[in-house]
Amino acid sequence: MKVLDDFDFGARTLESNEELDVVAWAENNGWIARKMQYQGRHSCPDRFFFGYGQIIPIEMKKRGKTRSRDGKLSKGQEQEFRRLADVGVTVHVFYTGAEAIEFLKTKMLLV
């Protein structure tokens, strides 16, 4: 049997595992983390982090084997995140828990 060139034998990293790493770190460092879901709508950011005088919406995406395979925002997410940006709310998108944690650390320094 011939293996297809684009088949990925690499270890699988689940988006939810990365997300839970961020939540665990945040909760242990003074943040309140909440999973959010809109009622009757789609495209809500994955988590909202409350702390240090801020509310930070974060969307986690899965890192692909190559840049072109990285998780992408859906059309609905793009529209919703743009709508939020129009009223001054930035949804931050991260591919690893470590990236999100480093970002939250920078927000802790502002207080």
C-alpha atoms as a PDB file:
ATOM      1  CA  MET A   1       0.000   0.000   0.000  1.00  0.00           C
ATOM      2  CA  LYS A   2       1.338   3.410  -0.954  1.00  0.00           C
ATOM      3  CA  VAL A   3       1.039   6.145   1.649  1.00  0.00           C
ATOM      4  CA  LEU A   4      -0.187   9.447   0.253  1.00  0.00           C
ATOM      5  CA  ASP A   5       2.351  12.276   0.282  1.00  0.00           C
ATOM      6  CA  ASP A   6       0.089  14.564   2.251  1.00  0.00           C
ATOM      7  CA  PHE A   7      -0.700  12.049   5.000  1.00  0.00           C
ATOM      8  CA  ASP A   8       0.425  13.341   8.391  1.00  0.00           C
ATOM      9  CA  PHE A   9       1.854  10.790  10.830  1.00  0.00           C
ATOM     10  CA  GLY A  10       2.709  13.460  13.405  1.00  0.00           C
ATOM     11  CA  ALA A  11       1.330  13.517  16.916  1.00  0.00           C
ATOM     12  CA  ARG A  12      -2.119  15.015  17.157  1.00  0.00           C
ATOM     13  CA  THR A  13      -2.511  18.116  19.275  1.00  0.00           C
ATOM     14  CA  LEU A  14      -6.114  18.844  20.011  1.00  0.00           C
ATOM     15  CA  GLU A  15      -7.259  22.439  20.045  1.00  0.00           C
ATOM     16  CA  SER A  16      -9.164  21.689  23.247  1.00  0.00           C
ATOM     17  CA  ASN A  17      -5.978  20.479  25.016  1.00  0.00           C
ATOM     18  CA  GLU A  18      -4.193  23.728  24.179  1.00  0.00           C
ATOM     19  CA  GLU A  19      -7.235  25.668  25.350  1.00  0.00           C
ATOM     20  CA  LEU A  20      -7.353  23.801  28.667  1.00  0.00           C
ATOM     21  CA  ASP A  21      -3.639  24.485  29.254  1.00  0.00           C
ATOM     22  CA  VAL A  22      -4.372  28.210  28.988  1.00  0.00           C
ATOM     23  CA  VAL A  23      -7.396  27.951  31.272  1.00  0.00           C
ATOM     24  CA  ALA A  24      -5.453  26.040  33.953  1.00  0.00           C
ATOM     25  CA  TRP A  25      -2.593  28.536  33.865  1.00  0.00           C
ATOM     26  CA  ALA A  26      -4.939  31.540  33.885  1.00  0.00           C
ATOM     27  CA  GLU A  27      -7.042  30.284  36.792  1.00  0.00           C
ATOM     28  CA  ASN A  28      -3.829  29.720  38.796  1.00  0.00           C
ATOM     29  CA  ASN A  29      -2.603  33.229  38.037  1.00  0.00           C
ATOM     30  CA  GLY A  30      -5.505  35.448  39.009  1.00  0.00           C
ATOM     31  CA  TRP A  31      -7.704  35.246  35.909  1.00  0.00           C
ATOM     32  CA  ILE A  32     -11.270  33.997  35.699  1.00  0.00           C
ATOM     33  CA  ALA A  33     -11.732  31.967  32.508  1.00  0.00           C
ATOM     34  CA  ARG A  34     -15.144  31.250  31.035  1.00  0.00           C
ATOM     35  CA  LYS A  35     -16.177  29.136  28.069  1.00  0.00           C
ATOM     36  CA  MET A  36     -18.666  31.144  26.064  1.00  0.00           C
ATOM     37  CA  GLN A  37     -21.386  30.235  23.611  1.00  0.00           C
ATOM     38  CA  TYR A  38     -24.016  32.452  22.076  1.00  0.00           C
ATOM     39  CA  GLN A  39     -27.647  31.416  22.303  1.00  0.00           C
ATOM     40  CA  GLY A  40     -29.141  31.109  18.844  1.00  0.00           C
ATOM     41  CA  ARG A  41     -25.953  32.287  17.102  1.00  0.00           C
ATOM     42  CA  HIS A  42     -22.623  30.906  15.972  1.00  0.00           C
ATOM     43  CA  SER A  43     -19.062  32.252  15.952  1.00  0.00           C
ATOM     44  CA  CYS A  44     -18.539  33.194  19.595  1.00  0.00           C
ATOM     45  CA  PRO A  45     -14.868  33.320  20.689  1.00  0.00           C
ATOM     46  CA  ASP A  46     -13.858  30.167  22.610  1.00  0.00           C
ATOM     47  CA  ARG A  47     -13.028  31.758  25.950  1.00  0.00           C
ATOM     48  CA  PHE A  48     -13.251  35.041  27.778  1.00  0.00           C
ATOM     49  CA  PHE A  49     -10.612  35.849  30.377  1.00  0.00           C
ATOM     50  CA  PHE A  50     -11.538  38.299  33.128  1.00  0.00           C
ATOM     51  CA  GLY A  51      -8.879  39.847  35.319  1.00  0.00           C
ATOM     52  CA  TYR A  52      -6.505  42.688  35.961  1.00  0.00           C
ATOM     53  CA  GLY A  53      -9.254  45.137  34.986  1.00  0.00           C
ATOM     54  CA  GLN A  54      -9.729  43.607  31.548  1.00  0.00           C
ATOM     55  CA  ILE A  55     -11.960  41.272  29.569  1.00  0.00           C
ATOM     56  CA  ILE A  56     -10.028  39.413  26.882  1.00  0.00           C
ATOM     57  CA  PRO A  57     -11.774  37.199  24.302  1.00  0.00           C
ATOM     58  CA  ILE A  58      -9.560  34.429  22.914  1.00  0.00           C
ATOM     59  CA  GLU A  59     -10.114  32.042  20.022  1.00  0.00           C
ATOM     60  CA  MET A  60      -7.892  28.946  19.878  1.00  0.00           C
ATOM     61  CA  LYS A  61      -7.094  27.333  16.541  1.00  0.00           C
ATOM     62  CA  LYS A  62      -5.237  24.126  15.798  1.00  0.00           C
ATOM     63  CA  ARG A  63      -1.699  24.407  14.408  1.00  0.00           C
ATOM     64  CA  GLY A  64      -1.305  22.477  11.160  1.00  0.00           C
ATOM     65  CA  LYS A  65       1.714  20.561   9.896  1.00  0.00           C
ATOM     66  CA  THR A  66       2.364  23.506   7.580  1.00  0.00           C
ATOM     67  CA  ARG A  67       1.225  27.137   7.675  1.00  0.00           C
ATOM     68  CA  SER A  68      -1.318  26.456   4.945  1.00  0.00           C
ATOM     69  CA  ARG A  69      -2.903  23.765   7.140  1.00  0.00           C
ATOM     70  CA  ASP A  70      -3.245  25.941  10.233  1.00  0.00           C
ATOM     71  CA  GLY A  71      -6.753  26.227  11.564  1.00  0.00           C
ATOM     72  CA  LYS A  72      -8.610  29.075   9.924  1.00  0.00           C
ATOM     73  CA  LEU A  73     -11.409  31.277  11.137  1.00  0.00           C
ATOM     74  CA  SER A  74     -14.752  30.403   9.632  1.00  0.00           C
ATOM     75  CA  LYS A  75     -16.513  33.043   7.564  1.00  0.00           C
ATOM     76  CA  GLY A  76     -18.923  33.560  10.465  1.00  0.00           C
ATOM     77  CA  GLN A  77     -16.045  34.024  12.911  1.00  0.00           C
ATOM     78  CA  GLU A  78     -14.381  36.544  10.603  1.00  0.00           C
ATOM     79  CA  GLN A  79     -17.621  38.531  10.413  1.00  0.00           C
ATOM     80  CA  GLU A  80     -18.296  38.335  14.153  1.00  0.00           C
ATOM     81  CA  PHE A  81     -14.741  39.246  15.139  1.00  0.00           C
ATOM     82  CA  ARG A  82     -14.844  42.182  12.699  1.00  0.00           C
ATOM     83  CA  ARG A  83     -18.167  43.283  14.230  1.00  0.00           C
ATOM     84  CA  LEU A  84     -16.572  43.196  17.686  1.00  0.00           C
ATOM     85  CA  ALA A  85     -13.503  45.072  16.409  1.00  0.00           C
ATOM     86  CA  ASP A  86     -15.789  47.794  15.058  1.00  0.00           C
ATOM     87  CA  VAL A  87     -16.859  48.550  18.643  1.00  0.00           C
ATOM     88  CA  GLY A  88     -13.318  48.375  20.029  1.00  0.00           C
ATOM     89  CA  VAL A  89     -13.124  44.731  21.149  1.00  0.00           C
ATOM     90  CA  THR A  90     -10.251  42.665  19.760  1.00  0.00           C
ATOM     91  CA  VAL A  91     -10.591  38.883  19.655  1.00  0.00           C
ATOM     92  CA  HIS A  92      -7.106  37.405  19.967  1.00  0.00           C
ATOM     93  CA  VAL A  93      -6.420  34.221  17.971  1.00  0.00           C
ATOM     94  CA  PHE A  94      -3.723  31.773  19.108  1.00  0.00           C
ATOM     95  CA  TYR A  95      -2.459  28.432  17.821  1.00  0.00           C
ATOM     96  CA  THR A  96      -0.755  27.205  20.996  1.00  0.00           C
ATOM     97  CA  GLY A  97      -1.456  27.432  24.674  1.00  0.00           C
ATOM     98  CA  ALA A  98       2.036  28.845  25.212  1.00  0.00           C
ATOM     99  CA  GLU A  99       1.309  31.776  22.861  1.00  0.00           C
ATOM    100  CA  ALA A 100      -1.923  32.586  24.691  1.00  0.00           C
ATOM    101  CA  ILE A 101      -0.241  32.333  28.103  1.00  0.00           C
ATOM    102  CA  GLU A 102       2.562  34.680  27.040  1.00  0.00           C
ATOM    103  CA  PHE A 103      -0.056  37.149  25.808  1.00  0.00           C
ATOM    104  CA  LEU A 104      -2.004  37.013  29.094  1.00  0.00           C
ATOM    105  CA  LYS A 105       1.240  37.582  31.014  1.00  0.00           C
ATOM    106  CA  THR A 106       1.726  40.868  29.152  1.00  0.00           C
ATOM    107  CA  LYS A 107      -1.750  41.975  30.204  1.00  0.00           C
ATOM    108  CA  MET A 108      -0.944  41.279  33.864  1.00  0.00           C
ATOM    109  CA  LEU A 109       1.939  43.747  33.726  1.00  0.00           C
ATOM    110  CA  LEU A 110      -0.389  46.621  32.887  1.00  0.00           C
ATOM    111  CA  VAL A 111      -1.933  46.715  36.366  1.00  0.00           C
END
